[in-house]
């Protein structure tokens, strides 16, 4: 098995393990993180109905050139928090999507906390 496939398989395994314990409801939706090389995507999901309540991506943010991915992720966390508060959501469950709680994932979570969401 090549290195990339092995990495992907390990992340999928971690994701399944996390999702077995973490589930979102209408009152407390799941904040899901998807990280690509260039971008970061956040979704608030109600797992009972299978609906996405709000979503945001780094592409929506007007980041200055040279600001860096971590600063953009922090701003993205604040943006999803604003969308959630506007929708009447205060408490969420955080789903890191199998990624380490580090770097861009941590910055997005910190931004969401600063924006008014409670984990």
C-alpha atoms as a PDB file:
ATOM      1  CA  UNK A   1       0.000   0.000   0.000  1.00  0.00           C
ATOM      2  CA  UNK A   2       1.427   3.383  -0.903  1.00  0.00           C
ATOM      3  CA  UNK A   3       1.861   6.157   1.616  1.00  0.00           C
ATOM      4  CA  UNK A   4      -1.072   8.317   0.450  1.00  0.00           C
ATOM      5  CA  UNK A   5      -3.569   5.436   0.542  1.00  0.00           C
ATOM      6  CA  UNK A   6      -2.382   4.453   4.015  1.00  0.00           C
ATOM      7  CA  UNK A   7      -2.784   8.039   5.254  1.00  0.00           C
ATOM      8  CA  UNK A   8      -6.292   8.233   3.800  1.00  0.00           C
ATOM      9  CA  UNK A   9      -7.265   4.883   5.337  1.00  0.00           C
ATOM     10  CA  UNK A  10      -6.038   5.957   8.788  1.00  0.00           C
ATOM     11  CA  UNK A  11      -8.014   9.227   8.576  1.00  0.00           C
ATOM     12  CA  UNK A  12     -11.141   7.339   7.508  1.00  0.00           C
ATOM     13  CA  UNK A  13     -10.741   5.002  10.480  1.00  0.00           C
ATOM     14  CA  UNK A  14     -10.375   7.949  12.873  1.00  0.00           C
ATOM     15  CA  UNK A  15     -13.415   9.624  11.309  1.00  0.00           C
ATOM     16  CA  UNK A  16     -15.575   6.528  11.833  1.00  0.00           C
ATOM     17  CA  UNK A  17     -14.413   6.219  15.436  1.00  0.00           C
ATOM     18  CA  UNK A  18     -15.281   9.871  16.136  1.00  0.00           C
ATOM     19  CA  UNK A  19     -18.650   9.675  14.344  1.00  0.00           C
ATOM     20  CA  UNK A  20     -19.650   6.646  16.415  1.00  0.00           C
ATOM     21  CA  UNK A  21     -19.625   8.919  19.470  1.00  0.00           C
ATOM     22  CA  UNK A  22     -20.476  12.352  18.036  1.00  0.00           C
ATOM     23  CA  UNK A  23     -23.912  13.118  16.656  1.00  0.00           C
ATOM     24  CA  UNK A  24     -25.714  16.402  16.053  1.00  0.00           C
ATOM     25  CA  UNK A  25     -29.308  17.326  16.838  1.00  0.00           C
ATOM     26  CA  UNK A  26     -31.425  20.342  15.913  1.00  0.00           C
ATOM     27  CA  UNK A  27     -30.715  21.896  19.324  1.00  0.00           C
ATOM     28  CA  UNK A  28     -27.026  21.019  19.318  1.00  0.00           C
ATOM     29  CA  UNK A  29     -25.753  20.450  15.770  1.00  0.00           C
ATOM     30  CA  UNK A  30     -22.412  18.942  14.801  1.00  0.00           C
ATOM     31  CA  UNK A  31     -19.718  21.318  13.521  1.00  0.00           C
ATOM     32  CA  UNK A  32     -17.933  19.270  10.868  1.00  0.00           C
ATOM     33  CA  UNK A  33     -14.494  20.196   9.496  1.00  0.00           C
ATOM     34  CA  UNK A  34     -13.141  19.268   6.074  1.00  0.00           C
ATOM     35  CA  UNK A  35      -9.603  20.329   5.325  1.00  0.00           C
ATOM     36  CA  UNK A  36      -8.029  20.303   1.879  1.00  0.00           C
ATOM     37  CA  UNK A  37      -4.568  21.519   0.940  1.00  0.00           C
ATOM     38  CA  UNK A  38      -5.834  24.939  -0.134  1.00  0.00           C
ATOM     39  CA  UNK A  39      -9.098  25.409   1.700  1.00  0.00           C
ATOM     40  CA  UNK A  40     -11.141  24.635   4.792  1.00  0.00           C
ATOM     41  CA  UNK A  41     -14.875  23.943   4.949  1.00  0.00           C
ATOM     42  CA  UNK A  42     -17.151  24.011   8.012  1.00  0.00           C
ATOM     43  CA  UNK A  43     -20.718  22.712   8.227  1.00  0.00           C
ATOM     44  CA  UNK A  44     -23.327  22.684  10.985  1.00  0.00           C
ATOM     45  CA  UNK A  45     -25.226  19.418  10.569  1.00  0.00           C
ATOM     46  CA  UNK A  46     -28.422  18.064  12.149  1.00  0.00           C
ATOM     47  CA  UNK A  47     -27.814  14.300  11.944  1.00  0.00           C
ATOM     48  CA  UNK A  48     -31.348  13.354  13.002  1.00  0.00           C
ATOM     49  CA  UNK A  49     -32.835  14.986   9.888  1.00  0.00           C
ATOM     50  CA  UNK A  50     -29.731  14.669   7.727  1.00  0.00           C
ATOM     51  CA  UNK A  51     -29.722  18.412   6.990  1.00  0.00           C
ATOM     52  CA  UNK A  52     -26.964  20.993   6.788  1.00  0.00           C
ATOM     53  CA  UNK A  53     -28.060  24.025   8.825  1.00  0.00           C
ATOM     54  CA  UNK A  54     -25.197  26.348   7.870  1.00  0.00           C
ATOM     55  CA  UNK A  55     -21.921  26.129   6.000  1.00  0.00           C
ATOM     56  CA  UNK A  56     -18.882  28.281   5.325  1.00  0.00           C
ATOM     57  CA  UNK A  57     -15.614  28.000   3.452  1.00  0.00           C
ATOM     58  CA  UNK A  58     -12.380  29.953   3.326  1.00  0.00           C
ATOM     59  CA  UNK A  59     -13.383  31.095  -0.162  1.00  0.00           C
ATOM     60  CA  UNK A  60     -16.083  33.300   1.434  1.00  0.00           C
ATOM     61  CA  UNK A  61     -13.530  35.225   3.482  1.00  0.00           C
ATOM     62  CA  UNK A  62     -11.833  38.301   2.096  1.00  0.00           C
ATOM     63  CA  UNK A  63      -8.400  37.495   3.540  1.00  0.00           C
ATOM     64  CA  UNK A  64      -5.470  39.737   2.753  1.00  0.00           C
ATOM     65  CA  UNK A  65      -2.722  38.247   0.633  1.00  0.00           C
ATOM     66  CA  UNK A  66      -0.045  36.789   2.890  1.00  0.00           C
ATOM     67  CA  UNK A  67      -2.302  36.444   5.943  1.00  0.00           C
ATOM     68  CA  UNK A  68      -1.843  32.685   5.967  1.00  0.00           C
ATOM     69  CA  UNK A  69      -4.134  29.696   6.233  1.00  0.00           C
ATOM     70  CA  UNK A  70      -4.314  29.679  10.032  1.00  0.00           C
ATOM     71  CA  UNK A  71      -5.560  33.276  10.253  1.00  0.00           C
ATOM     72  CA  UNK A  72      -8.093  32.552   7.505  1.00  0.00           C
ATOM     73  CA  UNK A  73      -9.269  29.487   9.457  1.00  0.00           C
ATOM     74  CA  UNK A  74      -9.747  31.588  12.590  1.00  0.00           C
ATOM     75  CA  UNK A  75     -11.844  34.091  10.627  1.00  0.00           C
ATOM     76  CA  UNK A  76     -13.815  31.194   9.127  1.00  0.00           C
ATOM     77  CA  UNK A  77     -14.627  29.965  12.642  1.00  0.00           C
ATOM     78  CA  UNK A  78     -15.956  33.421  13.522  1.00  0.00           C
ATOM     79  CA  UNK A  79     -18.013  33.462  10.299  1.00  0.00           C
ATOM     80  CA  UNK A  80     -19.684  30.083  10.979  1.00  0.00           C
ATOM     81  CA  UNK A  81     -20.365  31.223  14.565  1.00  0.00           C
ATOM     82  CA  UNK A  82     -22.091  34.362  13.254  1.00  0.00           C
ATOM     83  CA  UNK A  83     -24.227  32.260  10.885  1.00  0.00           C
ATOM     84  CA  UNK A  84     -25.092  29.873  13.737  1.00  0.00           C
ATOM     85  CA  UNK A  85     -26.036  32.638  16.174  1.00  0.00           C
ATOM     86  CA  UNK A  86     -28.221  34.225  13.467  1.00  0.00           C
ATOM     87  CA  UNK A  87     -29.958  30.835  13.096  1.00  0.00           C
ATOM     88  CA  UNK A  88     -30.499  30.653  16.885  1.00  0.00           C
ATOM     89  CA  UNK A  89     -27.789  28.087  17.647  1.00  0.00           C
ATOM     90  CA  UNK A  90     -25.560  28.610  20.688  1.00  0.00           C
ATOM     91  CA  UNK A  91     -24.273  25.113  21.557  1.00  0.00           C
ATOM     92  CA  UNK A  92     -22.591  22.689  19.175  1.00  0.00           C
ATOM     93  CA  UNK A  93     -20.699  19.403  19.110  1.00  0.00           C
ATOM     94  CA  UNK A  94     -17.264  19.633  17.456  1.00  0.00           C
ATOM     95  CA  UNK A  95     -16.310  16.992  14.869  1.00  0.00           C
ATOM     96  CA  UNK A  96     -12.694  17.379  13.799  1.00  0.00           C
ATOM     97  CA  UNK A  97     -13.211  14.971  10.904  1.00  0.00           C
ATOM     98  CA  UNK A  98     -10.307  12.685  11.746  1.00  0.00           C
ATOM     99  CA  UNK A  99      -7.752  15.496  11.616  1.00  0.00           C
ATOM    100  CA  UNK A 100      -5.440  16.334  14.495  1.00  0.00           C
ATOM    101  CA  UNK A 101      -6.737  19.117  16.751  1.00  0.00           C
ATOM    102  CA  UNK A 102      -3.870  21.316  15.651  1.00  0.00           C
ATOM    103  CA  UNK A 103      -3.144  24.160  13.260  1.00  0.00           C
ATOM    104  CA  UNK A 104      -6.051  25.132  10.993  1.00  0.00           C
ATOM    105  CA  UNK A 105      -8.563  22.831  12.725  1.00  0.00           C
ATOM    106  CA  UNK A 106      -7.740  24.292  16.140  1.00  0.00           C
ATOM    107  CA  UNK A 107      -7.815  27.849  14.747  1.00  0.00           C
ATOM    108  CA  UNK A 108     -11.298  27.275  13.298  1.00  0.00           C
ATOM    109  CA  UNK A 109     -12.528  25.928  16.654  1.00  0.00           C
ATOM    110  CA  UNK A 110     -11.015  28.891  18.521  1.00  0.00           C
ATOM    111  CA  UNK A 111     -12.644  31.312  16.074  1.00  0.00           C
ATOM    112  CA  UNK A 112     -16.024  29.629  16.569  1.00  0.00           C
ATOM    113  CA  UNK A 113     -15.648  29.929  20.353  1.00  0.00           C
ATOM    114  CA  UNK A 114     -14.734  33.592  20.052  1.00  0.00           C
ATOM    115  CA  UNK A 115     -17.751  34.093  17.788  1.00  0.00           C
ATOM    116  CA  UNK A 116     -20.087  32.929  20.554  1.00  0.00           C
ATOM    117  CA  UNK A 117     -20.486  29.163  20.140  1.00  0.00           C
ATOM    118  CA  UNK A 118     -20.184  26.810  23.119  1.00  0.00           C
ATOM    119  CA  UNK A 119     -18.655  23.341  22.717  1.00  0.00           C
END
